[in-house]
Amino acid sequence: MSKKFAFLFPGQGAQEPGMLKDICEAFPEARAVVDEVSKITGVDMPKLMWESEKEVLSRSDNSQLAITTASLATMKVLESKGITPSASMGFSLGEFPALYAAGVLSFEDVIKVVQKRGQIMQKVCEEIAAANEGHAPGMTAVIGLSQDQVKDLCSGIKDAYAANLNSSVQTVVSGTFDALTELEAKAKEAGARRALRLAVAGPFHSPLMQKAADEFEKAIADVKFNDPKIEMFSNVTGAKATSGEEIKKNAVLHLTNPVRWTDEEAVLGSILNKDWQVLEVGPGKVLSGLWAKTELGETYKVPSINTVDSINELN
């Protein structure tokens, strides 16, 4: 039996100035993707990804487009080498390149949807900051406490929500600036090893993003979401996604509901066998790191595919 591949796509926070540049220089098909995104969006993607300061790149309207472009360009290079996914899932924003990989959205639609999503989320984040004396909302990773412990801490803090269920000992909390400051102090008191503010622009996957969800629902009303052609998994349910209609509804719920990543990893793990290879496709190494800490990590190694060397090593 020929090898099957499962692609994992990273989310916001994976962005880094200069990302994908070496791949674009080595593989014309990657540069062609970047140029096509520039054409569709009207954004100078090489300038955004390779010349921006970290603060500029971390804005939601910039990072979402840049990370998606990097993931899709890397996937195109893998495709040219005969490596295509039989399963896909993405972390937060990463769910959108996963939708493209699964045939749910066309290339042009996924780029337009991600651009609009980033713009809407950035605007709402700025409105939340303005309502809090200019203090920007965001997300904090709590490491060393169980998911239930973090949820309990959040229940006692106004505008703090467990948003990303990353692993048994890592939960990301969304909230206002003041809520996160209080949460970080209480997490450390409770014995957390770290409580780290993340380089993201807002309180994603929480009720604080309801206005963004309402606007995004209108923005994608006329976009066609096809049924997935390969195995596809949902952040919202933590389970397999089977219909375009369900996926479209979840794309809206995605903004206000937690990312059930540990559930997704387990469901993907249930279909794996010796014929499968799992790859993290796109910038950063967050997902390969989370995977390595699961029970699946010993059996299935997950390389991060985001450099020329990492691509060539797959040959």
Protein backbone atom coordinates (compact mmCIF):
# COMPACT_ATOMS: atom_id res chain seq x y z
CA MET A 1 0.00 0.00 0.00
CA SER A 2 1.36 3.45 -0.92
CA LYS A 3 2.04 5.96 1.81
CA LYS A 4 -0.77 8.31 2.86
CA PHE A 5 -0.16 11.79 4.22
CA ALA A 6 -2.02 13.82 6.83
CA PHE A 7 -1.31 17.57 6.71
CA LEU A 8 -1.49 19.77 9.82
CA PHE A 9 -1.62 23.53 9.19
CA PRO A 10 -0.49 26.09 11.81
CA GLY A 11 -2.44 29.10 13.08
CA GLN A 12 -1.73 32.68 14.09
CA GLY A 13 1.42 33.18 16.07
CA ALA A 14 3.43 31.07 13.60
CA GLN A 15 4.26 34.12 11.50
CA GLU A 16 7.84 35.33 11.30
CA PRO A 17 9.43 38.00 9.11
CA GLY A 18 11.22 36.32 6.21
CA MET A 19 9.12 33.17 6.33
CA LEU A 20 8.91 31.19 3.07
CA LYS A 21 11.58 33.28 1.34
CA ASP A 22 14.09 30.44 0.98
CA ILE A 23 11.37 28.14 -0.36
CA CYS A 24 10.27 30.73 -2.92
CA GLU A 25 13.87 31.20 -4.06
CA ALA A 26 14.33 27.46 -4.50
CA PHE A 27 10.93 26.49 -5.91
CA PRO A 28 9.24 28.62 -8.61
CA GLU A 29 5.88 26.98 -7.88
CA ALA A 30 5.94 28.46 -4.37
CA ARG A 31 6.71 31.94 -5.68
CA ALA A 32 3.86 31.55 -8.18
CA VAL A 33 1.44 31.00 -5.28
CA VAL A 34 2.71 34.13 -3.52
CA ASP A 35 2.31 36.19 -6.69
CA GLU A 36 -1.20 34.84 -7.25
CA VAL A 37 -2.21 35.82 -3.70
CA SER A 38 -0.84 39.32 -4.35
CA LYS A 39 -2.95 39.51 -7.49
CA ILE A 40 -6.15 38.31 -5.76
CA THR A 41 -5.82 40.52 -2.68
CA GLY A 42 -4.03 43.62 -3.95
CA VAL A 43 -1.48 43.13 -1.15
CA ASP A 44 2.26 43.00 -1.91
CA MET A 45 2.79 39.62 -0.27
CA PRO A 46 6.60 39.42 -0.68
CA LYS A 47 6.93 42.81 1.01
CA LEU A 48 4.50 41.84 3.77
CA MET A 49 6.15 38.51 4.56
CA TRP A 50 9.79 39.42 4.05
CA GLU A 51 10.13 43.10 4.94
CA SER A 52 7.55 43.76 7.67
CA GLU A 53 8.40 44.34 11.32
CA LYS A 54 7.09 41.71 13.75
CA GLU A 55 4.46 44.11 15.11
CA VAL A 56 3.06 44.73 11.64
CA LEU A 57 3.07 41.07 10.70
CA SER A 58 1.28 40.08 13.93
CA ARG A 59 -1.80 42.17 13.08
CA SER A 60 -4.70 39.84 12.37
CA ASP A 61 -5.32 41.28 8.92
CA ASN A 62 -1.68 40.65 7.98
CA SER A 63 -0.76 37.45 9.80
CA GLN A 64 -3.78 35.46 8.62
CA LEU A 65 -3.05 36.21 4.98
CA ALA A 66 0.70 35.65 5.35
CA ILE A 67 0.44 32.32 7.17
CA THR A 68 -2.20 31.00 4.79
CA THR A 69 -0.04 31.99 1.81
CA ALA A 70 3.01 30.30 3.31
CA SER A 71 1.07 27.11 4.03
CA LEU A 72 -0.50 26.93 0.56
CA ALA A 73 2.80 27.67 -1.18
CA THR A 74 4.55 24.93 0.79
CA MET A 75 1.72 22.54 -0.03
CA LYS A 76 2.11 23.35 -3.73
CA VAL A 77 5.79 22.38 -3.57
CA LEU A 78 4.91 19.10 -1.87
CA GLU A 79 2.30 18.46 -4.55
CA SER A 80 4.96 18.92 -7.25
CA LYS A 81 6.88 16.12 -5.53
CA GLY A 82 3.86 13.81 -5.50
CA ILE A 83 3.05 14.39 -1.83
CA THR A 84 -0.66 15.12 -1.43
CA PRO A 85 -2.88 14.81 1.66
CA SER A 86 -5.38 12.04 2.39
CA ALA A 87 -6.37 13.90 5.57
CA SER A 88 -6.13 17.51 6.65
CA MET A 89 -6.73 19.61 9.73
CA GLY A 90 -5.59 23.03 10.82
CA PHE A 91 -5.14 24.82 14.09
CA SER A 92 -7.40 27.89 14.31
CA LEU A 93 -6.57 29.92 11.18
CA GLY A 94 -4.88 26.78 9.84
CA GLU A 95 -8.30 25.28 9.31
CA PHE A 96 -8.64 27.43 6.18
CA PRO A 97 -5.66 26.02 4.23
CA ALA A 98 -6.95 22.65 5.46
CA LEU A 99 -10.28 23.43 3.80
CA TYR A 100 -8.46 24.14 0.54
CA ALA A 101 -6.46 20.92 0.89
CA ALA A 102 -9.72 19.01 1.34
CA GLY A 103 -11.37 20.62 -1.69
CA VAL A 104 -13.93 22.48 0.42
CA LEU A 105 -12.87 25.91 -0.86
CA SER A 106 -11.28 26.92 -4.15
CA PHE A 107 -7.90 28.67 -4.09
CA GLU A 108 -9.36 32.08 -4.89
CA ASP A 109 -12.18 31.67 -2.37
CA VAL A 110 -9.92 30.58 0.48
CA ILE A 111 -7.67 33.61 -0.08
CA LYS A 112 -10.60 36.03 -0.24
CA VAL A 113 -12.26 34.47 2.81
CA VAL A 114 -9.06 34.59 4.88
CA GLN A 115 -8.40 38.19 3.87
CA LYS A 116 -11.91 39.23 4.89
CA ARG A 117 -11.73 37.21 8.10
CA GLY A 118 -8.47 38.89 9.10
CA GLN A 119 -9.82 42.36 8.38
CA ILE A 120 -12.99 41.76 10.38
CA MET A 121 -11.15 40.29 13.35
CA GLN A 122 -8.56 43.08 13.40
CA LYS A 123 -11.30 45.73 13.39
CA VAL A 124 -13.17 44.10 16.28
CA CYS A 125 -9.93 43.68 18.26
CA GLU A 126 -9.22 47.40 17.85
CA GLU A 127 -12.74 48.21 19.04
CA ILE A 128 -12.24 46.04 22.15
CA ALA A 129 -8.93 47.80 22.83
CA ALA A 130 -10.55 51.23 22.43
CA ALA A 131 -13.22 50.25 24.97
CA ASN A 132 -10.44 49.26 27.42
CA GLU A 133 -8.43 52.49 27.44
CA GLY A 134 -6.31 51.35 24.53
CA HIS A 135 -5.18 48.14 26.21
CA ALA A 136 -5.17 45.45 23.52
CA PRO A 137 -6.96 42.14 24.13
CA GLY A 138 -5.15 38.93 23.34
CA MET A 139 -4.31 35.37 24.37
CA THR A 140 -2.14 33.78 27.05
CA ALA A 141 -0.74 30.24 26.99
CA VAL A 142 -0.92 28.56 30.40
CA ILE A 143 1.57 25.71 30.69
CA GLY A 144 1.68 23.20 33.52
CA LEU A 145 -1.98 23.18 34.58
CA SER A 146 -4.73 20.84 33.39
CA GLN A 147 -7.49 22.04 31.09
CA ASP A 148 -9.99 21.80 33.96
CA GLN A 149 -7.76 23.88 36.25
CA VAL A 150 -7.51 26.63 33.64
CA LYS A 151 -11.25 26.55 33.00
CA ASP A 152 -11.84 26.94 36.75
CA LEU A 153 -9.53 29.96 36.88
CA CYS A 154 -11.33 31.54 33.92
CA SER A 155 -14.72 31.04 35.55
CA GLY A 156 -13.72 33.49 38.26
CA ILE A 157 -12.36 36.20 35.95
CA LYS A 158 -14.58 38.48 33.87
CA ASP A 159 -13.80 38.28 30.12
CA ALA A 160 -11.35 35.36 30.37
CA TYR A 161 -12.12 32.20 28.37
CA ALA A 162 -10.34 28.88 27.75
CA ALA A 163 -9.92 29.15 23.98
CA ASN A 164 -7.35 26.65 22.67
CA LEU A 165 -7.29 23.18 24.23
CA ASN A 166 -3.78 22.38 23.03
CA SER A 167 -2.69 19.51 25.28
CA SER A 168 -3.30 17.99 28.71
CA VAL A 169 -0.96 20.60 30.23
CA GLN A 170 -1.30 23.54 27.83
CA THR A 171 -4.41 25.68 27.46
CA VAL A 172 -4.58 29.08 25.78
CA VAL A 173 -6.88 31.67 27.34
CA SER A 174 -8.49 34.57 25.44
CA GLY A 175 -9.48 37.79 27.13
CA THR A 176 -9.21 41.52 27.56
CA PHE A 177 -5.86 42.96 28.62
CA ASP A 178 -6.97 43.26 32.26
CA ALA A 179 -8.51 39.77 32.30
CA LEU A 180 -5.32 38.19 31.00
CA THR A 181 -3.17 40.10 33.47
CA GLU A 182 -5.30 38.74 36.31
CA LEU A 183 -5.32 35.25 34.80
CA GLU A 184 -1.53 35.15 34.46
CA ALA A 185 -1.05 36.05 38.11
CA LYS A 186 -3.58 33.47 39.32
CA ALA A 187 -2.18 30.76 37.04
CA LYS A 188 1.28 31.21 38.52
CA GLU A 189 -0.18 31.13 42.03
CA ALA A 190 -1.89 27.86 41.10
CA GLY A 191 1.43 26.31 40.07
CA ALA A 192 1.62 26.93 36.33
CA ARG A 193 5.15 26.62 34.94
CA ARG A 194 4.52 29.53 32.56
CA ALA A 195 1.79 31.97 31.61
CA LEU A 196 2.94 33.50 28.33
CA ARG A 197 1.20 36.30 26.42
CA LEU A 198 1.09 35.33 22.73
CA ALA A 199 1.92 37.39 19.64
CA VAL A 200 -1.66 37.56 18.37
CA ALA A 201 -3.95 40.52 17.87
CA GLY A 202 -7.04 39.51 19.82
CA PRO A 203 -9.12 37.25 22.09
CA PHE A 204 -9.83 34.62 19.46
CA HIS A 205 -12.17 31.65 19.90
CA SER A 206 -14.10 33.35 22.67
CA PRO A 207 -17.46 35.15 23.12
CA LEU A 208 -15.54 38.44 22.87
CA MET A 209 -15.43 37.80 19.11
CA GLN A 210 -19.20 37.53 18.63
CA LYS A 211 -19.40 40.76 16.61
CA ALA A 212 -16.69 39.43 14.30
CA ALA A 213 -18.60 36.17 13.90
CA ASP A 214 -21.76 38.06 12.94
CA GLU A 215 -19.90 40.09 10.32
CA PHE A 216 -18.01 37.06 9.00
CA GLU A 217 -21.25 35.12 8.58
CA LYS A 218 -22.52 37.84 6.26
CA ALA A 219 -19.19 38.02 4.41
CA ILE A 220 -19.22 34.32 3.47
CA ALA A 221 -22.96 34.03 2.79
CA ASP A 222 -22.45 33.57 -0.95
CA VAL A 223 -19.25 31.48 -0.79
CA LYS A 224 -19.58 27.86 -1.89
CA PHE A 225 -18.34 25.31 0.66
CA ASN A 226 -18.04 21.87 -0.97
CA ASP A 227 -18.14 18.52 0.81
CA PRO A 228 -14.58 17.45 1.71
CA LYS A 229 -12.88 15.09 -0.72
CA ILE A 230 -10.50 13.69 1.92
CA GLU A 231 -10.61 13.10 5.67
CA MET A 232 -11.17 16.50 7.33
CA PHE A 233 -11.45 17.42 11.01
CA SER A 234 -13.11 20.37 12.75
CA ASN A 235 -11.76 22.65 15.50
CA VAL A 236 -15.31 23.38 16.65
CA THR A 237 -16.45 19.78 17.14
CA GLY A 238 -13.11 18.04 17.55
CA ALA A 239 -14.51 15.41 15.18
CA LYS A 240 -14.59 14.49 11.49
CA ALA A 241 -16.33 17.02 9.23
CA THR A 242 -18.44 15.49 6.49
CA SER A 243 -20.43 18.18 4.68
CA GLY A 244 -19.77 21.62 3.22
CA GLU A 245 -22.92 22.90 4.91
CA GLU A 246 -21.67 21.83 8.35
CA ILE A 247 -18.20 23.24 7.67
CA LYS A 248 -19.62 26.61 6.62
CA LYS A 249 -21.62 26.89 9.85
CA ASN A 250 -18.56 25.90 11.86
CA ALA A 251 -16.43 28.52 10.08
CA VAL A 252 -18.60 31.12 11.82
CA LEU A 253 -18.77 29.30 15.18
CA HIS A 254 -14.97 28.97 14.91
CA LEU A 255 -14.55 32.60 15.97
CA THR A 256 -16.35 32.24 19.31
CA ASN A 257 -15.78 28.57 20.22
CA PRO A 258 -12.69 26.83 21.62
CA VAL A 259 -10.22 24.97 19.40
CA ARG A 260 -10.59 21.32 20.44
CA TRP A 261 -7.15 20.34 19.21
CA THR A 262 -6.54 17.44 21.58
CA ASP A 263 -9.82 15.85 20.41
CA GLU A 264 -8.82 16.31 16.76
CA GLU A 265 -5.42 14.73 17.33
CA ALA A 266 -7.09 11.70 18.91
CA VAL A 267 -9.59 11.31 16.06
CA LEU A 268 -6.85 11.58 13.44
CA GLY A 269 -4.78 9.13 15.44
CA SER A 270 -7.62 6.59 15.29
CA ILE A 271 -7.27 6.25 11.50
CA LEU A 272 -3.47 6.14 11.35
CA ASN A 273 -1.40 3.04 10.70
CA LYS A 274 2.11 2.26 9.47
CA ASP A 275 1.22 3.48 5.96
CA TRP A 276 0.59 7.05 7.14
CA GLN A 277 2.96 10.00 7.55
CA VAL A 278 1.82 13.14 9.39
CA LEU A 279 3.39 16.47 8.32
CA GLU A 280 3.12 19.99 9.73
CA VAL A 281 2.90 22.14 6.60
CA GLY A 282 3.64 25.84 7.05
CA PRO A 283 5.58 28.19 9.31
CA GLY A 284 6.66 27.32 12.84
CA LYS A 285 6.88 24.08 14.82
CA VAL A 286 4.01 24.45 17.28
CA LEU A 287 1.88 21.58 16.02
CA SER A 288 4.73 19.09 15.74
CA GLY A 289 5.64 20.03 19.31
CA LEU A 290 2.11 19.46 20.60
CA TRP A 291 1.87 16.16 18.72
CA ALA A 292 5.16 14.92 20.18
CA LYS A 293 3.70 15.23 23.69
CA THR A 294 0.70 13.00 22.94
CA GLU A 295 0.52 9.21 23.13
CA LEU A 296 0.77 9.23 19.34
CA GLY A 297 4.07 11.08 19.36
CA GLU A 298 6.23 8.03 19.92
CA THR A 299 4.73 6.04 17.06
CA TYR A 300 4.23 8.81 14.50
CA LYS A 301 6.93 11.45 14.17
CA VAL A 302 5.71 14.76 12.72
CA PRO A 303 8.34 16.83 10.90
CA SER A 304 7.72 20.55 10.35
CA ILE A 305 7.89 21.32 6.63
CA ASN A 306 8.84 24.99 6.31
CA THR A 307 12.38 25.15 4.89
CA VAL A 308 14.09 23.96 1.72
CA ASP A 309 16.01 21.36 3.72
CA SER A 310 12.87 19.98 5.37
CA ILE A 311 11.25 19.60 1.94
CA ASN A 312 14.29 17.90 0.41
CA GLU A 313 14.55 15.50 3.34
CA LEU A 314 11.17 14.04 2.36
CA ASN A 315 12.56 12.74 -0.92
